[in-house]
Amino acid sequence: MIEALRKDLHKSECEQESGGSRGMERKQVFTGSPWESSVGYCRALRIGDRIEVAGTTAMQNGEVVFAGNPYEQAKFILQTIEQALKDLGSGMNHVVRTRMYVTDISQWEEYGRAHGEFFRDIQPVATMVEVKALIDPQLLIEIEAEAVIPHSL
């Protein structure tokens, strides 16, 4: 089933299973990253009213996109996160935290510009830290997100 999901970058179909002591439904989204199966993770996971989005990079069909461009990589990543949230019945307006791991903090304004375009009116808590490297040297930024969905949805 994971292989079928991997064929479509933003598959809206989610795996579902019961889980947890309260029997909350567990939904997962996969985007086809080459590391999802080998490392054993999904792009985003919804349990109850919480969604956790894994560290997301500027990868499409197994290739880095927008190499050397911090703004475009951040924007692409945020679009990927937005789609994962939609696939789980949520949206960017439900994001309460983002974490940005960057390889060159001197480019913070470019990363921040993209982040601001998505979150200017939402203003979740956010962290940006410089890291030594990401999994591919062409990747400049990795972003995680957490969302909480109101009980009425």
N, C-alpha and C. Protein backbone atom coordinates (compact mmCIF):
# COMPACT_ATOMS: atom_id res chain seq x y z
N MET A 1 0.82 -1.19 0.00
CA MET A 1 0.00 0.00 0.00
C MET A 1 0.86 1.26 0.00
N ILE A 2 1.99 1.23 0.72
CA ILE A 2 2.86 2.40 0.76
C ILE A 2 3.39 2.70 -0.63
N GLU A 3 3.72 1.67 -1.40
CA GLU A 3 4.24 1.89 -2.75
C GLU A 3 3.21 2.59 -3.62
N ALA A 4 1.94 2.26 -3.48
CA ALA A 4 0.88 2.92 -4.25
C ALA A 4 0.78 4.38 -3.87
N LEU A 5 0.91 4.68 -2.58
CA LEU A 5 0.84 6.06 -2.12
C LEU A 5 2.04 6.86 -2.62
N ARG A 6 3.19 6.21 -2.72
CA ARG A 6 4.41 6.88 -3.12
C ARG A 6 4.34 7.40 -4.55
N LYS A 7 3.49 6.82 -5.39
CA LYS A 7 3.41 7.20 -6.79
C LYS A 7 2.86 8.61 -6.98
N ASP A 8 2.09 9.10 -6.04
CA ASP A 8 1.50 10.42 -6.16
C ASP A 8 2.09 11.30 -5.06
N LEU A 9 2.75 12.39 -5.43
CA LEU A 9 3.45 13.22 -4.45
C LEU A 9 2.56 13.66 -3.31
N HIS A 10 1.36 14.04 -3.61
CA HIS A 10 0.45 14.53 -2.58
C HIS A 10 -0.82 13.68 -2.56
N LYS A 11 -0.67 12.43 -2.24
CA LYS A 11 -1.81 11.52 -2.23
C LYS A 11 -2.78 11.92 -1.14
N SER A 12 -4.04 12.09 -1.48
CA SER A 12 -5.01 12.51 -0.48
C SER A 12 -5.56 11.34 0.31
N GLU A 13 -5.40 10.14 -0.22
CA GLU A 13 -5.83 8.96 0.51
C GLU A 13 -4.88 8.71 1.67
N CYS A 14 -5.38 8.36 2.81
CA CYS A 14 -4.54 8.14 3.98
C CYS A 14 -4.75 6.72 4.48
N GLU A 15 -3.68 6.13 5.03
CA GLU A 15 -3.84 4.87 5.74
C GLU A 15 -4.54 5.18 7.05
N GLN A 16 -5.43 4.30 7.47
CA GLN A 16 -6.12 4.51 8.73
C GLN A 16 -6.04 3.24 9.55
N GLU A 17 -5.90 3.42 10.84
CA GLU A 17 -5.91 2.29 11.75
C GLU A 17 -6.31 2.80 13.12
N SER A 18 -6.84 1.93 13.93
CA SER A 18 -7.14 2.31 15.30
C SER A 18 -5.86 2.23 16.10
N GLY A 19 -5.75 3.10 17.06
CA GLY A 19 -4.54 3.07 17.86
C GLY A 19 -4.75 3.80 19.16
N GLY A 20 -3.83 3.60 20.06
CA GLY A 20 -3.89 4.30 21.34
C GLY A 20 -4.89 3.69 22.28
N SER A 21 -4.74 4.03 23.53
CA SER A 21 -5.61 3.46 24.55
C SER A 21 -7.03 3.98 24.46
N ARG A 22 -7.22 5.13 23.86
CA ARG A 22 -8.56 5.68 23.73
C ARG A 22 -9.21 5.32 22.41
N GLY A 23 -8.54 4.50 21.61
CA GLY A 23 -9.10 4.07 20.34
C GLY A 23 -9.20 5.19 19.32
N MET A 24 -8.35 6.20 19.41
CA MET A 24 -8.39 7.30 18.45
C MET A 24 -7.92 6.82 17.09
N GLU A 25 -8.56 7.36 16.07
CA GLU A 25 -8.18 7.02 14.71
C GLU A 25 -6.80 7.61 14.39
N ARG A 26 -6.02 6.86 13.67
CA ARG A 26 -4.67 7.27 13.27
C ARG A 26 -4.65 7.36 11.75
N LYS A 27 -4.30 8.54 11.22
CA LYS A 27 -4.23 8.75 9.78
C LYS A 27 -2.83 9.21 9.43
N GLN A 28 -2.31 8.70 8.32
CA GLN A 28 -0.97 9.05 7.88
C GLN A 28 -1.00 9.54 6.44
N VAL A 29 -0.07 10.42 6.11
CA VAL A 29 0.13 10.89 4.75
C VAL A 29 1.57 10.58 4.36
N PHE A 30 1.75 10.08 3.14
CA PHE A 30 3.07 9.80 2.58
C PHE A 30 3.22 10.66 1.33
N THR A 31 4.41 11.20 1.10
CA THR A 31 4.63 12.06 -0.07
C THR A 31 5.57 11.45 -1.09
N GLY A 32 6.08 10.29 -0.83
CA GLY A 32 6.96 9.67 -1.79
C GLY A 32 8.43 9.96 -1.60
N SER A 33 8.78 10.57 -0.48
CA SER A 33 10.19 10.80 -0.19
C SER A 33 10.92 9.46 -0.20
N PRO A 34 12.13 9.43 -0.77
CA PRO A 34 12.84 8.16 -0.81
C PRO A 34 13.18 7.61 0.58
N TRP A 35 13.12 8.47 1.60
CA TRP A 35 13.49 8.04 2.93
C TRP A 35 12.30 7.55 3.76
N GLU A 36 11.07 7.78 3.30
CA GLU A 36 9.91 7.38 4.11
C GLU A 36 9.93 5.88 4.40
N SER A 37 10.16 5.07 3.39
CA SER A 37 10.15 3.62 3.64
C SER A 37 11.46 3.13 4.25
N SER A 38 12.60 3.64 3.80
CA SER A 38 13.87 3.13 4.31
C SER A 38 14.10 3.53 5.77
N VAL A 39 13.66 4.71 6.15
CA VAL A 39 13.83 5.16 7.54
C VAL A 39 12.64 4.74 8.39
N GLY A 40 11.47 4.60 7.76
CA GLY A 40 10.29 4.15 8.47
C GLY A 40 9.49 5.27 9.10
N TYR A 41 9.05 6.24 8.30
CA TYR A 41 8.23 7.33 8.81
C TYR A 41 7.24 7.78 7.75
N CYS A 42 6.30 8.60 8.16
CA CYS A 42 5.35 9.20 7.23
C CYS A 42 5.55 10.71 7.24
N ARG A 43 5.03 11.39 6.24
CA ARG A 43 5.15 12.85 6.17
C ARG A 43 4.38 13.52 7.30
N ALA A 44 3.15 13.07 7.52
CA ALA A 44 2.32 13.68 8.56
C ALA A 44 1.44 12.62 9.19
N LEU A 45 1.11 12.85 10.45
CA LEU A 45 0.34 11.89 11.24
C LEU A 45 -0.71 12.66 12.04
N ARG A 46 -1.96 12.20 11.93
CA ARG A 46 -3.04 12.79 12.72
C ARG A 46 -3.57 11.74 13.67
N ILE A 47 -3.60 12.11 14.94
CA ILE A 47 -4.24 11.31 15.97
C ILE A 47 -5.13 12.26 16.76
N GLY A 48 -6.43 12.03 16.70
CA GLY A 48 -7.36 12.93 17.37
C GLY A 48 -7.30 14.31 16.75
N ASP A 49 -7.12 15.32 17.60
CA ASP A 49 -7.09 16.69 17.11
C ASP A 49 -5.69 17.22 16.84
N ARG A 50 -4.68 16.36 16.93
CA ARG A 50 -3.28 16.78 16.74
C ARG A 50 -2.72 16.23 15.44
N ILE A 51 -1.95 17.08 14.77
CA ILE A 51 -1.22 16.66 13.57
C ILE A 51 0.24 17.03 13.77
N GLU A 52 1.10 16.07 13.50
CA GLU A 52 2.55 16.29 13.52
C GLU A 52 3.05 16.10 12.10
N VAL A 53 3.79 17.08 11.60
CA VAL A 53 4.37 16.98 10.26
C VAL A 53 5.88 16.80 10.43
N ALA A 54 6.38 15.73 9.85
CA ALA A 54 7.80 15.39 9.95
C ALA A 54 8.66 16.47 9.28
N GLY A 55 9.94 16.46 9.62
CA GLY A 55 10.87 17.35 8.95
C GLY A 55 10.73 17.19 7.44
N THR A 56 10.45 18.30 6.78
CA THR A 56 10.16 18.29 5.35
C THR A 56 11.21 19.12 4.62
N THR A 57 11.71 18.57 3.52
CA THR A 57 12.73 19.26 2.74
C THR A 57 12.23 19.50 1.32
N ALA A 58 13.04 20.16 0.54
CA ALA A 58 12.68 20.51 -0.84
C ALA A 58 13.03 19.36 -1.78
N MET A 59 12.31 18.26 -1.63
CA MET A 59 12.50 17.07 -2.47
C MET A 59 11.23 16.82 -3.28
N GLN A 60 11.41 16.48 -4.54
CA GLN A 60 10.28 16.11 -5.40
C GLN A 60 10.74 14.97 -6.29
N ASN A 61 10.01 13.88 -6.25
CA ASN A 61 10.36 12.69 -7.04
C ASN A 61 11.80 12.25 -6.80
N GLY A 62 12.23 12.33 -5.54
CA GLY A 62 13.56 11.87 -5.16
C GLY A 62 14.70 12.82 -5.51
N GLU A 63 14.37 14.02 -6.00
CA GLU A 63 15.39 14.99 -6.38
C GLU A 63 15.23 16.28 -5.60
N VAL A 64 16.33 16.94 -5.28
CA VAL A 64 16.29 18.25 -4.63
C VAL A 64 15.80 19.28 -5.64
N VAL A 65 14.87 20.13 -5.21
CA VAL A 65 14.39 21.21 -6.07
C VAL A 65 14.89 22.55 -5.52
N PHE A 66 15.08 23.49 -6.40
CA PHE A 66 15.52 24.85 -6.05
C PHE A 66 16.86 24.86 -5.31
N ALA A 67 17.79 24.04 -5.77
CA ALA A 67 19.12 24.01 -5.17
C ALA A 67 19.71 25.42 -5.17
N GLY A 68 20.29 25.81 -4.02
CA GLY A 68 20.93 27.10 -3.90
C GLY A 68 20.00 28.27 -3.65
N ASN A 69 18.69 28.03 -3.55
CA ASN A 69 17.74 29.12 -3.37
C ASN A 69 16.97 28.93 -2.06
N PRO A 70 17.38 29.60 -0.99
CA PRO A 70 16.74 29.39 0.31
C PRO A 70 15.27 29.77 0.34
N TYR A 71 14.90 30.85 -0.31
CA TYR A 71 13.50 31.28 -0.32
C TYR A 71 12.62 30.25 -1.03
N GLU A 72 13.03 29.83 -2.23
CA GLU A 72 12.20 28.88 -3.00
C GLU A 72 12.14 27.51 -2.32
N GLN A 73 13.23 27.08 -1.69
CA GLN A 73 13.17 25.81 -0.97
C GLN A 73 12.18 25.91 0.19
N ALA A 74 12.24 26.99 0.95
CA ALA A 74 11.32 27.16 2.09
C ALA A 74 9.88 27.22 1.60
N LYS A 75 9.64 27.94 0.54
CA LYS A 75 8.28 28.06 -0.01
C LYS A 75 7.76 26.69 -0.47
N PHE A 76 8.60 25.94 -1.17
CA PHE A 76 8.21 24.60 -1.64
C PHE A 76 7.87 23.70 -0.45
N ILE A 77 8.69 23.75 0.58
CA ILE A 77 8.46 22.94 1.78
C ILE A 77 7.13 23.31 2.43
N LEU A 78 6.86 24.59 2.56
CA LEU A 78 5.62 25.03 3.19
C LEU A 78 4.40 24.64 2.36
N GLN A 79 4.54 24.61 1.04
CA GLN A 79 3.45 24.12 0.19
C GLN A 79 3.23 22.62 0.41
N THR A 80 4.31 21.87 0.59
CA THR A 80 4.21 20.44 0.87
C THR A 80 3.52 20.21 2.21
N ILE A 81 3.90 20.98 3.22
CA ILE A 81 3.27 20.89 4.54
C ILE A 81 1.79 21.26 4.44
N GLU A 82 1.49 22.30 3.70
CA GLU A 82 0.09 22.72 3.53
C GLU A 82 -0.75 21.61 2.93
N GLN A 83 -0.21 20.93 1.91
CA GLN A 83 -0.94 19.84 1.27
C GLN A 83 -1.13 18.66 2.23
N ALA A 84 -0.11 18.33 3.01
CA ALA A 84 -0.23 17.24 3.98
C ALA A 84 -1.32 17.56 5.00
N LEU A 85 -1.36 18.80 5.45
CA LEU A 85 -2.41 19.20 6.40
C LEU A 85 -3.79 19.08 5.77
N LYS A 86 -3.93 19.52 4.54
CA LYS A 86 -5.21 19.40 3.83
C LYS A 86 -5.62 17.94 3.71
N ASP A 87 -4.65 17.08 3.40
CA ASP A 87 -4.95 15.65 3.26
C ASP A 87 -5.47 15.05 4.57
N LEU A 88 -5.17 15.70 5.68
CA LEU A 88 -5.61 15.23 7.00
C LEU A 88 -6.76 16.06 7.55
N GLY A 89 -7.41 16.86 6.71
CA GLY A 89 -8.58 17.62 7.12
C GLY A 89 -8.27 18.88 7.90
N SER A 90 -7.11 19.47 7.67
CA SER A 90 -6.68 20.64 8.42
C SER A 90 -6.18 21.71 7.44
N GLY A 91 -5.49 22.68 7.97
CA GLY A 91 -4.93 23.74 7.14
C GLY A 91 -3.86 24.49 7.90
N MET A 92 -3.21 25.40 7.22
CA MET A 92 -2.14 26.17 7.84
C MET A 92 -2.65 27.00 9.02
N ASN A 93 -3.91 27.37 9.00
CA ASN A 93 -4.47 28.17 10.11
C ASN A 93 -4.53 27.39 11.42
N HIS A 94 -4.32 26.09 11.39
CA HIS A 94 -4.31 25.27 12.60
C HIS A 94 -2.90 25.03 13.14
N VAL A 95 -1.88 25.51 12.42
CA VAL A 95 -0.49 25.30 12.85
C VAL A 95 -0.21 26.13 14.10
N VAL A 96 0.36 25.47 15.10
CA VAL A 96 0.69 26.14 16.36
C VAL A 96 2.20 26.26 16.57
N ARG A 97 3.00 25.49 15.83
CA ARG A 97 4.46 25.55 15.98
C ARG A 97 5.13 25.12 14.69
N THR A 98 6.21 25.82 14.36
CA THR A 98 7.10 25.37 13.29
C THR A 98 8.52 25.37 13.82
N ARG A 99 9.31 24.47 13.25
CA ARG A 99 10.74 24.42 13.55
C ARG A 99 11.48 24.39 12.23
N MET A 100 12.42 25.32 12.08
CA MET A 100 13.19 25.42 10.85
C MET A 100 14.66 25.11 11.16
N TYR A 101 15.19 24.13 10.45
CA TYR A 101 16.59 23.75 10.58
C TYR A 101 17.26 24.22 9.30
N VAL A 102 18.21 25.14 9.42
CA VAL A 102 18.83 25.74 8.24
C VAL A 102 20.34 25.49 8.26
N THR A 103 20.93 25.41 7.07
CA THR A 103 22.36 25.15 6.99
C THR A 103 23.19 26.44 6.95
N ASP A 104 22.52 27.58 6.76
CA ASP A 104 23.21 28.87 6.73
C ASP A 104 22.30 29.93 7.34
N ILE A 105 22.50 30.23 8.62
CA ILE A 105 21.64 31.17 9.33
C ILE A 105 21.74 32.58 8.77
N SER A 106 22.82 32.88 8.04
CA SER A 106 22.94 34.22 7.45
C SER A 106 21.85 34.46 6.39
N GLN A 107 21.20 33.40 5.92
CA GLN A 107 20.10 33.52 4.96
C GLN A 107 18.73 33.58 5.66
N TRP A 108 18.71 33.87 6.94
CA TRP A 108 17.47 33.83 7.74
C TRP A 108 16.36 34.68 7.15
N GLU A 109 16.69 35.79 6.53
CA GLU A 109 15.64 36.65 5.97
C GLU A 109 14.92 35.98 4.80
N GLU A 110 15.63 35.20 4.01
CA GLU A 110 15.00 34.49 2.90
C GLU A 110 14.08 33.38 3.41
N TYR A 111 14.55 32.62 4.39
CA TYR A 111 13.68 31.59 4.99
C TYR A 111 12.48 32.25 5.65
N GLY A 112 12.76 33.32 6.39
CA GLY A 112 11.71 34.03 7.11
C GLY A 112 10.68 34.67 6.18
N ARG A 113 11.12 35.14 5.03
CA ARG A 113 10.18 35.74 4.07
C ARG A 113 9.16 34.71 3.60
N ALA A 114 9.62 33.52 3.28
CA ALA A 114 8.70 32.46 2.86
C ALA A 114 7.77 32.07 4.01
N HIS A 115 8.33 31.90 5.20
CA HIS A 115 7.53 31.55 6.38
C HIS A 115 6.46 32.61 6.62
N GLY A 116 6.85 33.87 6.52
CA GLY A 116 5.91 34.96 6.73
C GLY A 116 4.78 34.99 5.71
N GLU A 117 5.05 34.60 4.49
CA GLU A 117 3.99 34.57 3.47
C GLU A 117 2.89 33.58 3.82
N PHE A 118 3.25 32.51 4.51
CA PHE A 118 2.26 31.50 4.90
C PHE A 118 1.66 31.78 6.27
N PHE A 119 2.42 32.40 7.17
CA PHE A 119 1.99 32.50 8.57
C PHE A 119 1.87 33.91 9.12
N ARG A 120 1.96 34.93 8.29
CA ARG A 120 1.92 36.32 8.76
C ARG A 120 0.71 36.59 9.66
N ASP A 121 -0.45 36.09 9.28
CA ASP A 121 -1.66 36.35 10.07
C ASP A 121 -1.92 35.28 11.12
N ILE A 122 -1.28 34.14 11.01
CA ILE A 122 -1.50 33.03 11.95
C ILE A 122 -0.53 33.13 13.13
N GLN A 123 0.69 33.43 12.85
CA GLN A 123 1.77 33.62 13.82
C GLN A 123 1.90 32.49 14.85
N PRO A 124 2.22 31.27 14.37
CA PRO A 124 2.51 30.20 15.33
C PRO A 124 3.84 30.48 16.02
N VAL A 125 4.12 29.77 17.09
CA VAL A 125 5.46 29.87 17.66
C VAL A 125 6.41 29.23 16.65
N ALA A 126 7.62 29.76 16.58
CA ALA A 126 8.55 29.27 15.56
C ALA A 126 9.96 29.29 16.10
N THR A 127 10.75 28.35 15.60
CA THR A 127 12.16 28.26 15.94
C THR A 127 12.93 28.12 14.65
N MET A 128 14.08 28.83 14.56
CA MET A 128 14.99 28.65 13.44
C MET A 128 16.39 28.47 14.02
N VAL A 129 17.01 27.35 13.71
CA VAL A 129 18.35 27.09 14.21
C VAL A 129 19.24 26.63 13.05
N GLU A 130 20.51 26.94 13.16
CA GLU A 130 21.46 26.48 12.16
C GLU A 130 21.97 25.09 12.56
N VAL A 131 22.04 24.23 11.56
CA VAL A 131 22.58 22.88 11.74
C VAL A 131 23.78 22.71 10.82
N LYS A 132 24.62 21.76 11.13
CA LYS A 132 25.83 21.52 10.34
C LYS A 132 25.49 21.09 8.91
N ALA A 133 24.52 20.19 8.77
CA ALA A 133 24.16 19.67 7.45
C ALA A 133 22.81 18.99 7.51
N LEU A 134 22.20 18.85 6.33
CA LEU A 134 21.00 18.05 6.17
C LEU A 134 21.39 16.80 5.37
N ILE A 135 20.44 15.94 5.09
CA ILE A 135 20.74 14.64 4.50
C ILE A 135 21.35 14.72 3.10
N ASP A 136 21.09 15.80 2.38
CA ASP A 136 21.69 16.03 1.06
C ASP A 136 22.33 17.42 1.10
N PRO A 137 23.55 17.58 0.63
CA PRO A 137 24.23 18.87 0.72
C PRO A 137 23.52 20.02 -0.02
N GLN A 138 22.64 19.69 -0.98
CA GLN A 138 21.91 20.73 -1.70
C GLN A 138 20.71 21.26 -0.92
N LEU A 139 20.31 20.53 0.12
CA LEU A 139 19.18 20.97 0.93
C LEU A 139 19.64 22.06 1.89
N LEU A 140 18.92 23.16 1.92
CA LEU A 140 19.28 24.31 2.73
C LEU A 140 18.44 24.45 3.98
N ILE A 141 17.24 23.86 3.98
CA ILE A 141 16.30 24.04 5.08
C ILE A 141 15.41 22.81 5.21
N GLU A 142 15.05 22.49 6.44
CA GLU A 142 14.09 21.44 6.76
C GLU A 142 13.10 22.04 7.76
N ILE A 143 11.82 21.81 7.55
CA ILE A 143 10.79 22.41 8.42
C ILE A 143 9.89 21.32 8.98
N GLU A 144 9.61 21.41 10.28
CA GLU A 144 8.61 20.58 10.96
C GLU A 144 7.45 21.48 11.34
N ALA A 145 6.27 20.89 11.50
CA ALA A 145 5.10 21.67 11.93
C ALA A 145 4.21 20.83 12.84
N GLU A 146 3.55 21.51 13.75
CA GLU A 146 2.54 20.90 14.61
C GLU A 146 1.25 21.69 14.44
N ALA A 147 0.14 20.97 14.38
CA ALA A 147 -1.16 21.63 14.24
C ALA A 147 -2.14 21.03 15.24
N VAL A 148 -3.08 21.84 15.68
CA VAL A 148 -4.17 21.39 16.55
C VAL A 148 -5.46 21.80 15.88
N ILE A 149 -6.33 20.82 15.65
CA ILE A 149 -7.59 21.06 14.97
C ILE A 149 -8.68 21.31 16.01
N PRO A 150 -9.46 22.38 15.84
CA PRO A 150 -10.57 22.61 16.77
C PRO A 150 -11.51 21.41 16.81
N HIS A 151 -12.09 21.15 17.95
CA HIS A 151 -12.96 19.96 18.12
C HIS A 151 -14.17 19.96 17.20
N SER A 152 -14.55 21.10 16.66
CA SER A 152 -15.73 21.16 15.79
C SER A 152 -15.46 20.62 14.39
N LEU A 153 -14.19 20.37 14.05
CA LEU A 153 -13.88 19.86 12.70
C LEU A 153 -13.70 18.37 12.68
